[in-house]
Amino acid sequence: MRRLVAILLLASAMAWAAPAPAGNPPVPEKFISVDQAKALLDKRERITFVDVREKSQYDDLHIKGAINIPLGVLPSRLTEVPRTDRVILY
């Protein structure tokens, strides 16, 4: 019985310590020009602009309605980016 408990504890510890899956999930990315972004706005497409610069730069000048999420913290704040709109990072 002791041996079984020890084996189960060891198996649990090894499963918990297993490495997490590597890499980020695939995300379709496309680079677009300012003119292309404006054309989407002109067609009244739903777009979320995410300004990835630091807050001081965002405060100086940004696209009206843009969300500021600095690039360095973007992975930890992805939940703030709507999934229903097209997203444009700049």
N, C-alpha and C. Protein backbone atom coordinates (compact mmCIF):
# COMPACT_ATOMS: atom_id res chain seq x y z
N MET A 1 0.82 -1.19 0.00
CA MET A 1 0.00 0.00 0.00
C MET A 1 0.87 1.26 0.00
N ARG A 2 1.92 1.26 0.83
CA ARG A 2 2.83 2.41 0.87
C ARG A 2 3.47 2.66 -0.50
N ARG A 3 3.84 1.56 -1.13
CA ARG A 3 4.49 1.67 -2.43
C ARG A 3 3.53 2.29 -3.45
N LEU A 4 2.27 1.91 -3.43
CA LEU A 4 1.26 2.45 -4.34
C LEU A 4 1.07 3.94 -4.11
N VAL A 5 0.98 4.35 -2.84
CA VAL A 5 0.82 5.76 -2.51
C VAL A 5 2.04 6.56 -2.99
N ALA A 6 3.23 6.01 -2.78
CA ALA A 6 4.45 6.69 -3.21
C ALA A 6 4.47 6.84 -4.73
N ILE A 7 4.07 5.79 -5.45
CA ILE A 7 4.05 5.85 -6.91
C ILE A 7 3.04 6.89 -7.39
N LEU A 8 1.85 6.92 -6.78
CA LEU A 8 0.84 7.91 -7.16
C LEU A 8 1.30 9.34 -6.87
N LEU A 9 1.94 9.54 -5.73
CA LEU A 9 2.47 10.88 -5.42
C LEU A 9 3.55 11.29 -6.41
N LEU A 10 4.43 10.37 -6.74
CA LEU A 10 5.49 10.67 -7.70
C LEU A 10 4.91 10.97 -9.08
N ALA A 11 3.93 10.18 -9.51
CA ALA A 11 3.30 10.42 -10.81
C ALA A 11 2.60 11.77 -10.83
N SER A 12 1.93 12.13 -9.74
CA SER A 12 1.25 13.44 -9.66
C SER A 12 2.26 14.58 -9.73
N ALA A 13 3.37 14.41 -9.02
CA ALA A 13 4.40 15.46 -9.02
C ALA A 13 5.01 15.62 -10.41
N MET A 14 5.25 14.52 -11.09
CA MET A 14 5.84 14.59 -12.42
C MET A 14 4.87 15.19 -13.43
N ALA A 15 3.59 14.88 -13.31
CA ALA A 15 2.60 15.45 -14.22
C ALA A 15 2.48 16.95 -14.00
N TRP A 16 2.54 17.39 -12.75
CA TRP A 16 2.42 18.81 -12.43
C TRP A 16 3.64 19.57 -12.94
N ALA A 17 4.80 18.93 -12.89
CA ALA A 17 6.05 19.60 -13.28
C ALA A 17 6.32 19.52 -14.78
N ALA A 18 5.43 18.90 -15.54
CA ALA A 18 5.65 18.79 -16.98
C ALA A 18 5.68 20.17 -17.61
N PRO A 19 6.48 20.36 -18.64
CA PRO A 19 6.56 21.68 -19.29
C PRO A 19 5.25 22.06 -19.98
N ALA A 20 4.98 23.33 -19.99
CA ALA A 20 3.80 23.84 -20.68
C ALA A 20 4.03 23.77 -22.19
N PRO A 21 2.96 23.73 -22.97
CA PRO A 21 3.14 23.73 -24.42
C PRO A 21 3.95 24.96 -24.86
N ALA A 22 4.83 24.75 -25.79
CA ALA A 22 5.71 25.84 -26.24
C ALA A 22 5.00 26.73 -27.25
N GLY A 23 5.38 27.98 -27.26
CA GLY A 23 4.91 28.92 -28.28
C GLY A 23 3.51 29.45 -28.04
N ASN A 24 3.16 30.41 -28.82
CA ASN A 24 1.84 31.01 -28.77
C ASN A 24 0.96 30.37 -29.82
N PRO A 25 -0.36 30.43 -29.61
CA PRO A 25 -1.23 29.88 -30.64
C PRO A 25 -1.10 30.69 -31.92
N PRO A 26 -1.32 30.05 -33.07
CA PRO A 26 -1.19 30.77 -34.34
C PRO A 26 -2.24 31.88 -34.45
N VAL A 27 -1.81 33.02 -34.89
CA VAL A 27 -2.70 34.16 -35.08
C VAL A 27 -2.49 34.67 -36.50
N PRO A 28 -3.58 34.77 -37.26
CA PRO A 28 -3.40 35.30 -38.62
C PRO A 28 -2.98 36.76 -38.54
N GLU A 29 -1.89 37.08 -39.13
CA GLU A 29 -1.44 38.48 -39.11
C GLU A 29 -1.23 38.96 -40.52
N LYS A 30 -1.50 40.23 -40.67
CA LYS A 30 -1.37 40.84 -41.98
C LYS A 30 -0.95 42.28 -41.75
N PHE A 31 -0.01 42.74 -42.53
CA PHE A 31 0.42 44.12 -42.43
C PHE A 31 -0.39 44.93 -43.43
N ILE A 32 -0.92 46.05 -42.97
CA ILE A 32 -1.70 46.91 -43.87
C ILE A 32 -1.15 48.33 -43.80
N SER A 33 -1.43 49.07 -44.83
CA SER A 33 -0.98 50.47 -44.89
C SER A 33 -2.00 51.37 -44.21
N VAL A 34 -1.62 52.59 -44.00
CA VAL A 34 -2.53 53.58 -43.44
C VAL A 34 -3.73 53.76 -44.38
N ASP A 35 -3.47 53.79 -45.68
CA ASP A 35 -4.55 53.94 -46.65
C ASP A 35 -5.54 52.77 -46.57
N GLN A 36 -5.02 51.56 -46.38
CA GLN A 36 -5.90 50.40 -46.26
C GLN A 36 -6.74 50.47 -44.97
N ALA A 37 -6.13 50.92 -43.89
CA ALA A 37 -6.86 51.07 -42.63
C ALA A 37 -7.96 52.12 -42.78
N LYS A 38 -7.63 53.22 -43.46
CA LYS A 38 -8.63 54.27 -43.68
C LYS A 38 -9.78 53.76 -44.55
N ALA A 39 -9.46 52.95 -45.55
CA ALA A 39 -10.50 52.38 -46.41
C ALA A 39 -11.45 51.50 -45.61
N LEU A 40 -10.91 50.75 -44.65
CA LEU A 40 -11.77 49.93 -43.79
C LEU A 40 -12.69 50.81 -42.95
N LEU A 41 -12.14 51.91 -42.43
CA LEU A 41 -12.95 52.85 -41.64
C LEU A 41 -14.03 53.48 -42.52
N ASP A 42 -13.66 53.84 -43.74
CA ASP A 42 -14.62 54.45 -44.66
C ASP A 42 -15.77 53.49 -44.97
N LYS A 43 -15.48 52.18 -44.97
CA LYS A 43 -16.52 51.19 -45.22
C LYS A 43 -17.29 50.85 -43.93
N ARG A 44 -16.95 51.57 -42.86
CA ARG A 44 -17.59 51.39 -41.55
C ARG A 44 -17.40 49.99 -40.98
N GLU A 45 -16.24 49.41 -41.26
CA GLU A 45 -15.88 48.13 -40.66
C GLU A 45 -15.66 48.33 -39.16
N ARG A 46 -15.98 47.32 -38.38
CA ARG A 46 -15.72 47.38 -36.93
C ARG A 46 -14.24 47.09 -36.71
N ILE A 47 -13.53 48.09 -36.21
CA ILE A 47 -12.09 47.97 -36.01
C ILE A 47 -11.76 48.43 -34.60
N THR A 48 -10.88 47.69 -33.95
CA THR A 48 -10.31 48.12 -32.68
C THR A 48 -8.85 48.44 -32.95
N PHE A 49 -8.46 49.67 -32.67
CA PHE A 49 -7.07 50.07 -32.79
C PHE A 49 -6.41 49.90 -31.43
N VAL A 50 -5.26 49.23 -31.42
CA VAL A 50 -4.49 49.06 -30.19
C VAL A 50 -3.15 49.75 -30.40
N ASP A 51 -2.93 50.81 -29.62
CA ASP A 51 -1.68 51.57 -29.67
C ASP A 51 -0.70 50.87 -28.74
N VAL A 52 0.38 50.31 -29.29
CA VAL A 52 1.31 49.51 -28.49
C VAL A 52 2.50 50.31 -27.98
N ARG A 53 2.41 51.63 -28.10
CA ARG A 53 3.50 52.47 -27.58
C ARG A 53 3.31 52.68 -26.08
N GLU A 54 4.30 53.23 -25.45
CA GLU A 54 4.21 53.55 -24.02
C GLU A 54 3.16 54.63 -23.79
N LYS A 55 2.63 54.70 -22.58
CA LYS A 55 1.53 55.61 -22.26
C LYS A 55 1.87 57.07 -22.55
N SER A 56 3.11 57.49 -22.28
CA SER A 56 3.47 58.89 -22.53
C SER A 56 3.34 59.23 -24.02
N GLN A 57 3.72 58.31 -24.88
CA GLN A 57 3.58 58.55 -26.32
C GLN A 57 2.11 58.53 -26.72
N TYR A 58 1.35 57.61 -26.15
CA TYR A 58 -0.09 57.53 -26.41
C TYR A 58 -0.76 58.84 -25.98
N ASP A 59 -0.38 59.36 -24.82
CA ASP A 59 -0.97 60.60 -24.31
C ASP A 59 -0.67 61.78 -25.23
N ASP A 60 0.50 61.77 -25.87
CA ASP A 60 0.86 62.87 -26.77
C ASP A 60 -0.05 62.91 -28.00
N LEU A 61 -0.31 61.75 -28.58
CA LEU A 61 -1.12 61.69 -29.80
C LEU A 61 -1.50 60.24 -30.08
N HIS A 62 -2.78 60.00 -30.34
CA HIS A 62 -3.23 58.65 -30.68
C HIS A 62 -4.50 58.73 -31.52
N ILE A 63 -4.85 57.61 -32.12
CA ILE A 63 -6.08 57.52 -32.90
C ILE A 63 -7.25 57.56 -31.93
N LYS A 64 -8.24 58.38 -32.24
CA LYS A 64 -9.41 58.51 -31.38
C LYS A 64 -10.06 57.14 -31.17
N GLY A 65 -10.27 56.78 -29.91
CA GLY A 65 -10.90 55.52 -29.56
C GLY A 65 -9.94 54.35 -29.42
N ALA A 66 -8.65 54.58 -29.68
CA ALA A 66 -7.67 53.49 -29.59
C ALA A 66 -7.47 53.08 -28.13
N ILE A 67 -7.15 51.81 -27.95
CA ILE A 67 -6.81 51.28 -26.63
C ILE A 67 -5.30 51.32 -26.51
N ASN A 68 -4.79 51.73 -25.36
CA ASN A 68 -3.34 51.74 -25.16
C ASN A 68 -2.94 50.52 -24.35
N ILE A 69 -2.21 49.62 -25.00
CA ILE A 69 -1.63 48.47 -24.33
C ILE A 69 -0.19 48.37 -24.82
N PRO A 70 0.78 48.83 -24.00
CA PRO A 70 2.18 48.80 -24.45
C PRO A 70 2.60 47.38 -24.86
N LEU A 71 3.42 47.30 -25.88
CA LEU A 71 3.84 46.03 -26.46
C LEU A 71 4.42 45.08 -25.42
N GLY A 72 5.17 45.62 -24.47
CA GLY A 72 5.80 44.78 -23.45
C GLY A 72 4.82 44.05 -22.55
N VAL A 73 3.61 44.57 -22.40
CA VAL A 73 2.62 43.93 -21.53
C VAL A 73 1.44 43.35 -22.31
N LEU A 74 1.51 43.44 -23.62
CA LEU A 74 0.40 42.97 -24.46
C LEU A 74 0.01 41.51 -24.19
N PRO A 75 0.98 40.59 -24.10
CA PRO A 75 0.57 39.19 -23.85
C PRO A 75 -0.26 39.01 -22.58
N SER A 76 0.05 39.77 -21.54
CA SER A 76 -0.69 39.61 -20.28
C SER A 76 -2.01 40.37 -20.28
N ARG A 77 -2.25 41.21 -21.28
CA ARG A 77 -3.49 42.00 -21.32
C ARG A 77 -4.35 41.70 -22.54
N LEU A 78 -4.14 40.57 -23.17
CA LEU A 78 -4.90 40.23 -24.37
C LEU A 78 -6.40 40.14 -24.11
N THR A 79 -6.80 39.88 -22.88
CA THR A 79 -8.23 39.79 -22.58
C THR A 79 -8.93 41.13 -22.77
N GLU A 80 -8.18 42.22 -22.82
CA GLU A 80 -8.76 43.55 -23.00
C GLU A 80 -9.05 43.87 -24.47
N VAL A 81 -8.56 43.03 -25.37
CA VAL A 81 -8.75 43.26 -26.80
C VAL A 81 -10.01 42.52 -27.25
N PRO A 82 -11.00 43.25 -27.77
CA PRO A 82 -12.22 42.59 -28.22
C PRO A 82 -11.95 41.56 -29.31
N ARG A 83 -12.64 40.45 -29.25
CA ARG A 83 -12.45 39.40 -30.25
C ARG A 83 -13.49 39.49 -31.36
N THR A 84 -14.41 40.42 -31.25
CA THR A 84 -15.46 40.53 -32.26
C THR A 84 -15.08 41.47 -33.39
N ASP A 85 -14.12 42.32 -33.18
CA ASP A 85 -13.70 43.31 -34.18
C ASP A 85 -12.41 42.88 -34.85
N ARG A 86 -12.15 43.50 -35.99
CA ARG A 86 -10.82 43.41 -36.60
C ARG A 86 -9.92 44.24 -35.70
N VAL A 87 -8.71 43.75 -35.43
CA VAL A 87 -7.79 44.44 -34.54
C VAL A 87 -6.59 44.92 -35.35
N ILE A 88 -6.26 46.20 -35.17
CA ILE A 88 -5.10 46.77 -35.84
C ILE A 88 -4.17 47.31 -34.75
N LEU A 89 -2.97 46.76 -34.70
CA LEU A 89 -1.94 47.22 -33.77
C LEU A 89 -1.09 48.26 -34.47
N TYR A 90 -0.78 49.32 -33.75
CA TYR A 90 0.13 50.32 -34.32
C TYR A 90 0.98 50.90 -33.25
